[in-house]
């Protein structure tokens, strides 16, 4: 099982507890350190890899892939094209499972967020109404800031 944007390992660890062999990929070193601590505490083995989901490639290795809570899609740099960024992630996920493998993706409706956007968000550059994209700087537990 491939867990894309695994964060602190919530889904990876639960799947491992249920007998799955899991690889979790995440861009934040701090989140991965927390995931490793949690997996050790729960007594399960999970392969955690620090990598940008747009660059991860391991073709036809997994029976299934998950990307839950949009984790892999939310970390986009201001110079990244949002469509190309997301397509790169989806292409890598598509190529990861074996033939006939499954992929589960959850998405949230951006409409509620867009409805809350203001002219101030546009002026500050935190919302692009043409791309319908928000840009926010977030800080991971290890102090890494995204976008960099």
N, C-alpha and C. Protein backbone atom coordinates (compact mmCIF):
# COMPACT_ATOMS: atom_id res chain seq x y z
N UNK A 1 0.85 -1.17 0.00
CA UNK A 1 0.00 0.00 0.00
C UNK A 1 0.89 1.23 0.00
N UNK A 2 0.56 2.20 -0.84
CA UNK A 2 1.27 3.46 -0.90
C UNK A 2 0.37 4.53 -0.30
N UNK A 3 0.89 5.27 0.68
CA UNK A 3 0.17 6.37 1.31
C UNK A 3 0.86 7.67 0.91
N UNK A 4 0.24 8.41 0.00
CA UNK A 4 0.83 9.63 -0.55
C UNK A 4 0.45 10.81 0.33
N UNK A 5 1.46 11.55 0.79
CA UNK A 5 1.22 12.66 1.71
C UNK A 5 0.80 12.11 3.06
N UNK A 6 1.59 11.19 3.59
CA UNK A 6 1.20 10.42 4.79
C UNK A 6 1.21 11.24 6.07
N UNK A 7 1.81 12.43 6.06
CA UNK A 7 1.83 13.25 7.27
C UNK A 7 2.49 12.53 8.43
N UNK A 8 1.80 12.50 9.55
CA UNK A 8 2.35 11.84 10.75
C UNK A 8 2.00 10.35 10.82
N UNK A 9 1.52 9.81 9.71
CA UNK A 9 1.35 8.36 9.60
C UNK A 9 0.03 7.78 10.08
N UNK A 10 -0.94 8.62 10.30
CA UNK A 10 -2.22 8.12 10.85
C UNK A 10 -2.78 6.95 10.04
N UNK A 11 -2.89 7.12 8.71
CA UNK A 11 -3.46 6.05 7.89
C UNK A 11 -2.46 4.91 7.67
N UNK A 12 -1.19 5.27 7.46
CA UNK A 12 -0.16 4.25 7.25
C UNK A 12 -0.09 3.28 8.43
N UNK A 13 -0.08 3.84 9.62
CA UNK A 13 0.03 3.02 10.82
C UNK A 13 -1.20 2.13 11.00
N UNK A 14 -2.37 2.68 10.78
CA UNK A 14 -3.59 1.88 10.92
C UNK A 14 -3.61 0.74 9.90
N UNK A 15 -3.20 1.01 8.68
CA UNK A 15 -3.14 -0.05 7.67
C UNK A 15 -2.12 -1.11 8.04
N UNK A 16 -0.97 -0.69 8.56
CA UNK A 16 0.05 -1.64 9.00
C UNK A 16 -0.47 -2.50 10.15
N UNK A 17 -1.22 -1.89 11.06
CA UNK A 17 -1.80 -2.65 12.18
C UNK A 17 -2.77 -3.71 11.67
N UNK A 18 -3.34 -3.47 10.50
CA UNK A 18 -4.30 -4.42 9.91
C UNK A 18 -3.62 -5.41 8.97
N UNK A 19 -2.27 -5.40 8.97
CA UNK A 19 -1.53 -6.40 8.22
C UNK A 19 -1.02 -5.97 6.85
N UNK A 20 -1.20 -4.73 6.48
CA UNK A 20 -0.70 -4.26 5.18
C UNK A 20 0.78 -3.89 5.27
N UNK A 21 1.49 -4.12 4.20
CA UNK A 21 2.85 -3.61 4.05
C UNK A 21 2.69 -2.22 3.44
N UNK A 22 3.14 -1.19 4.16
CA UNK A 22 2.84 0.19 3.79
C UNK A 22 4.11 1.01 3.56
N UNK A 23 4.07 1.82 2.52
CA UNK A 23 5.08 2.84 2.26
C UNK A 23 4.37 4.18 2.32
N UNK A 24 4.82 5.04 3.21
CA UNK A 24 4.26 6.38 3.32
C UNK A 24 5.26 7.39 2.80
N UNK A 25 4.80 8.28 1.91
CA UNK A 25 5.69 9.32 1.41
C UNK A 25 5.20 10.67 1.89
N UNK A 26 6.16 11.54 2.21
CA UNK A 26 5.85 12.84 2.82
C UNK A 26 7.02 13.78 2.54
N UNK A 27 6.72 15.06 2.34
CA UNK A 27 7.76 16.04 2.06
C UNK A 27 8.38 16.62 3.34
N UNK A 28 7.67 16.56 4.45
CA UNK A 28 8.13 17.17 5.70
C UNK A 28 8.90 16.17 6.57
N UNK A 29 10.16 16.48 6.81
CA UNK A 29 10.98 15.63 7.67
C UNK A 29 10.41 15.55 9.08
N UNK A 30 9.92 16.68 9.59
CA UNK A 30 9.33 16.70 10.94
C UNK A 30 8.13 15.79 11.06
N UNK A 31 7.29 15.80 10.06
CA UNK A 31 6.11 14.92 10.07
C UNK A 31 6.55 13.46 10.03
N UNK A 32 7.56 13.17 9.22
CA UNK A 32 8.05 11.79 9.13
C UNK A 32 8.66 11.32 10.44
N UNK A 33 9.37 12.19 11.12
CA UNK A 33 9.94 11.81 12.42
C UNK A 33 8.82 11.45 13.40
N UNK A 34 7.77 12.25 13.39
CA UNK A 34 6.61 11.95 14.26
C UNK A 34 5.96 10.64 13.83
N UNK A 35 5.84 10.41 12.52
CA UNK A 35 5.24 9.16 12.03
C UNK A 35 6.06 7.95 12.48
N UNK A 36 7.37 8.06 12.40
CA UNK A 36 8.23 6.94 12.82
C UNK A 36 8.08 6.66 14.31
N UNK A 37 8.00 7.72 15.12
CA UNK A 37 7.79 7.55 16.57
C UNK A 37 6.47 6.85 16.84
N UNK A 38 5.44 7.28 16.15
CA UNK A 38 4.11 6.68 16.34
C UNK A 38 4.08 5.22 15.92
N UNK A 39 4.72 4.92 14.78
CA UNK A 39 4.75 3.53 14.31
C UNK A 39 5.48 2.65 15.30
N UNK A 40 6.60 3.14 15.83
CA UNK A 40 7.35 2.37 16.81
C UNK A 40 6.51 2.15 18.07
N UNK A 41 5.82 3.20 18.51
CA UNK A 41 4.97 3.09 19.70
C UNK A 41 3.85 2.06 19.50
N UNK A 42 3.32 2.01 18.27
CA UNK A 42 2.24 1.06 17.95
C UNK A 42 2.77 -0.33 17.61
N UNK A 43 4.09 -0.46 17.50
CA UNK A 43 4.68 -1.77 17.23
C UNK A 43 4.49 -2.26 15.81
N UNK A 44 4.44 -1.32 14.85
CA UNK A 44 4.27 -1.71 13.45
C UNK A 44 5.43 -1.17 12.62
N UNK A 45 5.65 -1.84 11.48
CA UNK A 45 6.71 -1.43 10.58
C UNK A 45 6.09 -0.76 9.37
N UNK A 46 6.54 0.46 9.09
CA UNK A 46 6.11 1.20 7.92
C UNK A 46 7.35 1.81 7.28
N UNK A 47 7.45 1.73 5.97
CA UNK A 47 8.54 2.40 5.26
C UNK A 47 8.11 3.84 5.03
N UNK A 48 8.79 4.78 5.66
CA UNK A 48 8.50 6.19 5.48
C UNK A 48 9.63 6.81 4.65
N UNK A 49 9.25 7.55 3.61
CA UNK A 49 10.23 8.15 2.70
C UNK A 49 9.96 9.65 2.59
N UNK A 50 11.03 10.43 2.75
CA UNK A 50 10.92 11.89 2.55
C UNK A 50 11.10 12.17 1.07
N UNK A 51 10.04 12.63 0.42
CA UNK A 51 10.09 12.91 -1.01
C UNK A 51 8.91 13.79 -1.40
N UNK A 52 9.11 14.59 -2.40
CA UNK A 52 8.05 15.39 -3.00
C UNK A 52 7.19 14.44 -3.84
N UNK A 53 5.89 14.45 -3.65
CA UNK A 53 5.00 13.52 -4.37
C UNK A 53 5.04 13.74 -5.88
N UNK A 54 5.47 14.92 -6.33
CA UNK A 54 5.59 15.14 -7.77
C UNK A 54 6.79 14.41 -8.36
N UNK A 55 7.69 13.95 -7.50
CA UNK A 55 8.91 13.30 -7.97
C UNK A 55 8.99 11.81 -7.63
N UNK A 56 8.12 11.32 -6.76
CA UNK A 56 8.18 9.92 -6.33
C UNK A 56 7.81 8.99 -7.47
N UNK A 57 8.66 8.00 -7.71
CA UNK A 57 8.37 7.00 -8.74
C UNK A 57 8.78 5.62 -8.23
N UNK A 58 7.85 4.70 -8.29
CA UNK A 58 8.13 3.30 -8.00
C UNK A 58 7.04 2.53 -8.73
N UNK A 59 7.22 2.34 -10.01
CA UNK A 59 6.18 1.83 -10.88
C UNK A 59 5.78 0.39 -10.56
N UNK A 60 4.47 0.17 -10.58
CA UNK A 60 3.84 -1.15 -10.47
C UNK A 60 4.31 -1.97 -9.28
N UNK A 61 4.54 -1.31 -8.17
CA UNK A 61 5.00 -2.04 -7.00
C UNK A 61 3.89 -2.29 -5.98
N UNK A 62 2.88 -1.46 -5.97
CA UNK A 62 1.89 -1.50 -4.91
C UNK A 62 0.58 -2.12 -5.38
N UNK A 63 -0.12 -2.76 -4.44
CA UNK A 63 -1.45 -3.28 -4.73
C UNK A 63 -2.48 -2.16 -4.76
N UNK A 64 -2.21 -1.10 -4.00
CA UNK A 64 -3.15 0.02 -3.93
C UNK A 64 -2.41 1.26 -3.46
N UNK A 65 -3.04 2.40 -3.71
CA UNK A 65 -2.49 3.68 -3.25
C UNK A 65 -3.62 4.51 -2.66
N UNK A 66 -3.28 5.30 -1.65
CA UNK A 66 -4.25 6.21 -1.06
C UNK A 66 -3.64 7.61 -0.99
N UNK A 67 -4.49 8.58 -1.09
CA UNK A 67 -4.11 9.98 -0.87
C UNK A 67 -5.32 10.61 -0.18
N UNK A 68 -5.28 10.62 1.13
CA UNK A 68 -6.43 11.04 1.91
C UNK A 68 -6.21 12.42 2.52
N UNK A 69 -7.27 13.16 2.64
CA UNK A 69 -7.23 14.50 3.25
C UNK A 69 -6.42 15.49 2.43
N UNK A 70 -6.28 15.26 1.15
CA UNK A 70 -5.55 16.08 0.17
C UNK A 70 -4.14 16.45 0.57
N UNK A 71 -3.51 15.67 1.40
CA UNK A 71 -2.18 16.02 1.91
C UNK A 71 -1.16 16.32 0.82
N UNK A 72 -1.09 15.51 -0.21
CA UNK A 72 -0.06 15.70 -1.22
C UNK A 72 -0.30 16.92 -2.09
N UNK A 73 -1.53 17.37 -2.17
CA UNK A 73 -1.86 18.44 -3.10
C UNK A 73 -1.77 19.83 -2.48
N UNK A 74 -1.69 19.93 -1.19
CA UNK A 74 -1.76 21.23 -0.55
C UNK A 74 -0.44 21.99 -0.51
N UNK A 75 0.66 21.31 -0.73
CA UNK A 75 1.97 21.97 -0.65
C UNK A 75 2.46 22.33 -2.03
N UNK A 76 2.11 23.53 -2.46
CA UNK A 76 2.47 23.98 -3.78
C UNK A 76 3.18 25.32 -3.66
N UNK A 77 4.30 25.45 -4.33
CA UNK A 77 5.06 26.69 -4.28
C UNK A 77 4.41 27.76 -5.14
N UNK A 78 4.69 29.01 -4.84
CA UNK A 78 4.08 30.11 -5.58
C UNK A 78 4.51 30.12 -7.05
N UNK A 79 5.66 29.51 -7.36
CA UNK A 79 6.11 29.46 -8.76
C UNK A 79 5.61 28.20 -9.48
N UNK A 80 4.97 27.29 -8.77
CA UNK A 80 4.45 26.06 -9.38
C UNK A 80 3.16 26.33 -10.11
N UNK A 81 2.99 25.67 -11.23
CA UNK A 81 1.70 25.70 -11.93
C UNK A 81 0.79 24.71 -11.21
N UNK A 82 -0.33 25.17 -10.65
CA UNK A 82 -1.17 24.26 -9.84
C UNK A 82 -1.69 23.06 -10.62
N UNK A 83 -1.99 23.24 -11.88
CA UNK A 83 -2.50 22.12 -12.67
C UNK A 83 -1.38 21.11 -12.93
N UNK A 84 -0.22 21.59 -13.38
CA UNK A 84 0.90 20.69 -13.65
C UNK A 84 1.37 19.99 -12.37
N UNK A 85 1.37 20.72 -11.27
CA UNK A 85 1.77 20.15 -9.97
C UNK A 85 0.88 18.96 -9.62
N UNK A 86 -0.43 19.18 -9.66
CA UNK A 86 -1.37 18.13 -9.29
C UNK A 86 -1.36 16.98 -10.29
N UNK A 87 -1.21 17.30 -11.58
CA UNK A 87 -1.14 16.23 -12.59
C UNK A 87 0.10 15.36 -12.39
N UNK A 88 1.23 15.97 -12.00
CA UNK A 88 2.44 15.19 -11.76
C UNK A 88 2.22 14.21 -10.61
N UNK A 89 1.55 14.67 -9.55
CA UNK A 89 1.26 13.78 -8.42
C UNK A 89 0.34 12.65 -8.86
N UNK A 90 -0.73 13.00 -9.56
CA UNK A 90 -1.68 11.97 -10.00
C UNK A 90 -1.03 10.97 -10.96
N UNK A 91 -0.17 11.45 -11.84
CA UNK A 91 0.53 10.54 -12.77
C UNK A 91 1.41 9.56 -11.99
N UNK A 92 2.14 10.06 -11.01
CA UNK A 92 3.00 9.19 -10.21
C UNK A 92 2.18 8.17 -9.42
N UNK A 93 1.06 8.61 -8.89
CA UNK A 93 0.20 7.68 -8.16
C UNK A 93 -0.38 6.64 -9.11
N UNK A 94 -0.81 7.08 -10.28
CA UNK A 94 -1.40 6.18 -11.28
C UNK A 94 -0.43 5.07 -11.68
N UNK A 95 0.85 5.42 -11.77
CA UNK A 95 1.85 4.45 -12.21
C UNK A 95 2.37 3.56 -11.07
N UNK A 96 2.02 3.88 -9.85
CA UNK A 96 2.55 3.12 -8.71
C UNK A 96 1.91 1.76 -8.48
N UNK A 97 0.59 1.63 -8.57
CA UNK A 97 0.00 0.30 -8.34
C UNK A 97 0.26 -0.68 -9.48
N UNK A 98 0.22 -1.94 -9.12
CA UNK A 98 0.31 -3.01 -10.11
C UNK A 98 -0.92 -2.92 -11.02
N UNK A 99 -0.89 -3.56 -12.20
CA UNK A 99 -2.09 -3.57 -13.04
C UNK A 99 -3.30 -4.09 -12.25
N UNK A 100 -4.38 -3.37 -12.32
CA UNK A 100 -5.58 -3.75 -11.58
C UNK A 100 -5.59 -3.21 -10.16
N UNK A 101 -4.52 -2.52 -9.76
CA UNK A 101 -4.46 -1.96 -8.41
C UNK A 101 -5.48 -0.85 -8.23
N UNK A 102 -5.74 -0.51 -7.01
CA UNK A 102 -6.76 0.48 -6.67
C UNK A 102 -6.12 1.77 -6.17
N UNK A 103 -6.87 2.86 -6.30
CA UNK A 103 -6.43 4.15 -5.81
C UNK A 103 -7.62 4.85 -5.15
N UNK A 104 -7.43 5.25 -3.91
CA UNK A 104 -8.47 5.98 -3.19
C UNK A 104 -7.97 7.39 -2.94
N UNK A 105 -8.77 8.36 -3.35
CA UNK A 105 -8.42 9.77 -3.23
C UNK A 105 -9.60 10.49 -2.60
N UNK A 106 -9.32 11.29 -1.59
CA UNK A 106 -10.38 12.14 -1.05
C UNK A 106 -10.07 13.58 -1.44
N UNK A 107 -11.11 14.31 -1.73
CA UNK A 107 -10.95 15.72 -2.08
C UNK A 107 -12.01 16.52 -1.33
N UNK A 108 -11.63 17.70 -1.00
CA UNK A 108 -12.56 18.61 -0.35
C UNK A 108 -13.06 19.60 -1.38
N UNK A 109 -14.25 20.09 -1.21
CA UNK A 109 -14.78 21.10 -2.11
C UNK A 109 -14.12 22.44 -1.80
N UNK A 110 -13.51 23.00 -2.81
CA UNK A 110 -12.86 24.30 -2.63
C UNK A 110 -13.87 25.44 -2.69
N UNK A 111 -15.08 25.12 -3.10
CA UNK A 111 -16.08 26.17 -3.26
C UNK A 111 -16.30 26.95 -1.97
N UNK A 112 -16.35 26.28 -0.85
CA UNK A 112 -16.58 26.99 0.42
C UNK A 112 -15.42 27.93 0.72
N UNK A 113 -14.23 27.51 0.39
CA UNK A 113 -13.05 28.36 0.63
C UNK A 113 -13.06 29.56 -0.31
N UNK A 114 -13.40 29.31 -1.59
CA UNK A 114 -13.43 30.38 -2.58
C UNK A 114 -14.48 31.41 -2.22
N UNK A 115 -15.62 30.96 -1.75
CA UNK A 115 -16.68 31.88 -1.35
C UNK A 115 -16.21 32.82 -0.23
N UNK A 116 -15.28 32.36 0.56
CA UNK A 116 -14.77 33.17 1.67
C UNK A 116 -13.62 34.08 1.29
N UNK A 117 -13.15 33.99 0.04
CA UNK A 117 -12.03 34.83 -0.40
C UNK A 117 -12.47 36.30 -0.50
N UNK A 118 -11.54 37.17 -0.18
CA UNK A 118 -11.84 38.61 -0.21
C UNK A 118 -10.93 39.32 -1.20
N UNK A 119 -11.27 40.56 -1.50
CA UNK A 119 -10.40 41.38 -2.35
C UNK A 119 -9.04 41.54 -1.69
N UNK A 120 -9.01 41.59 -0.36
CA UNK A 120 -7.75 41.70 0.37
C UNK A 120 -6.86 40.48 0.10
N UNK A 121 -7.47 39.28 0.02
CA UNK A 121 -6.70 38.07 -0.29
C UNK A 121 -6.06 38.17 -1.68
N UNK A 122 -6.76 38.76 -2.61
CA UNK A 122 -6.23 38.94 -3.96
C UNK A 122 -5.08 39.94 -3.94
N UNK A 123 -5.29 41.08 -3.27
CA UNK A 123 -4.26 42.12 -3.18
C UNK A 123 -3.01 41.59 -2.49
N UNK A 124 -3.17 40.82 -1.40
CA UNK A 124 -2.03 40.25 -0.67
C UNK A 124 -1.33 39.14 -1.45
N UNK A 125 -2.01 38.63 -2.48
CA UNK A 125 -1.42 37.55 -3.26
C UNK A 125 -1.64 36.18 -2.67
N UNK A 126 -2.53 36.07 -1.70
CA UNK A 126 -2.80 34.76 -1.11
C UNK A 126 -3.92 34.02 -1.83
N UNK A 127 -4.62 34.71 -2.76
CA UNK A 127 -5.66 34.06 -3.56
C UNK A 127 -5.56 34.55 -4.99
N UNK A 128 -5.48 33.59 -5.92
CA UNK A 128 -5.47 33.90 -7.35
C UNK A 128 -6.83 33.51 -7.91
N UNK A 129 -7.68 34.50 -8.23
CA UNK A 129 -9.03 34.18 -8.69
C UNK A 129 -9.05 33.51 -10.06
N UNK A 130 -8.02 33.70 -10.88
CA UNK A 130 -7.98 33.05 -12.19
C UNK A 130 -7.70 31.57 -12.07
N UNK A 131 -6.76 31.22 -11.22
CA UNK A 131 -6.40 29.81 -11.02
C UNK A 131 -7.25 29.17 -9.92
N UNK A 132 -8.01 30.01 -9.19
CA UNK A 132 -8.82 29.54 -8.05
C UNK A 132 -7.92 28.82 -7.04
N UNK A 133 -6.77 29.44 -6.77
CA UNK A 133 -5.77 28.84 -5.91
C UNK A 133 -5.41 29.77 -4.76
N UNK A 134 -5.31 29.20 -3.57
CA UNK A 134 -4.83 29.93 -2.39
C UNK A 134 -3.36 29.62 -2.18
N UNK A 135 -2.60 30.61 -1.76
CA UNK A 135 -1.19 30.43 -1.45
C UNK A 135 -1.00 30.83 0.01
N UNK A 136 -0.57 29.88 0.81
CA UNK A 136 -0.34 30.15 2.23
C UNK A 136 0.99 29.56 2.62
N UNK A 137 1.68 30.25 3.50
CA UNK A 137 2.91 29.69 4.05
C UNK A 137 2.55 28.93 5.31
N UNK A 138 2.98 27.68 5.36
CA UNK A 138 2.76 26.87 6.56
C UNK A 138 4.11 26.41 7.07
N UNK A 139 4.16 26.10 8.34
CA UNK A 139 5.40 25.65 8.95
C UNK A 139 5.21 24.25 9.50
N UNK A 140 6.09 23.34 9.07
CA UNK A 140 6.07 21.95 9.55
C UNK A 140 6.70 21.90 10.93
N UNK A 141 6.48 20.80 11.67
CA UNK A 141 7.05 20.67 13.00
C UNK A 141 8.57 20.84 13.07
N UNK A 142 9.27 20.54 11.96
CA UNK A 142 10.72 20.68 11.97
C UNK A 142 11.18 22.11 11.61
N UNK A 143 10.22 23.01 11.44
CA UNK A 143 10.55 24.40 11.14
C UNK A 143 10.62 24.71 9.66
N UNK A 144 10.53 23.70 8.81
CA UNK A 144 10.53 23.91 7.37
C UNK A 144 9.27 24.68 6.99
N UNK A 145 9.44 25.70 6.14
CA UNK A 145 8.30 26.48 5.70
C UNK A 145 7.96 26.11 4.26
N UNK A 146 6.67 26.00 3.98
CA UNK A 146 6.18 25.70 2.64
C UNK A 146 5.22 26.80 2.23
N UNK A 147 5.21 27.32 1.03
CA UNK A 147 6.24 27.03 0.03
C UNK A 147 7.54 27.68 0.44
N UNK A 148 8.63 27.12 -0.06
CA UNK A 148 9.95 27.64 0.30
C UNK A 148 10.30 28.87 -0.49
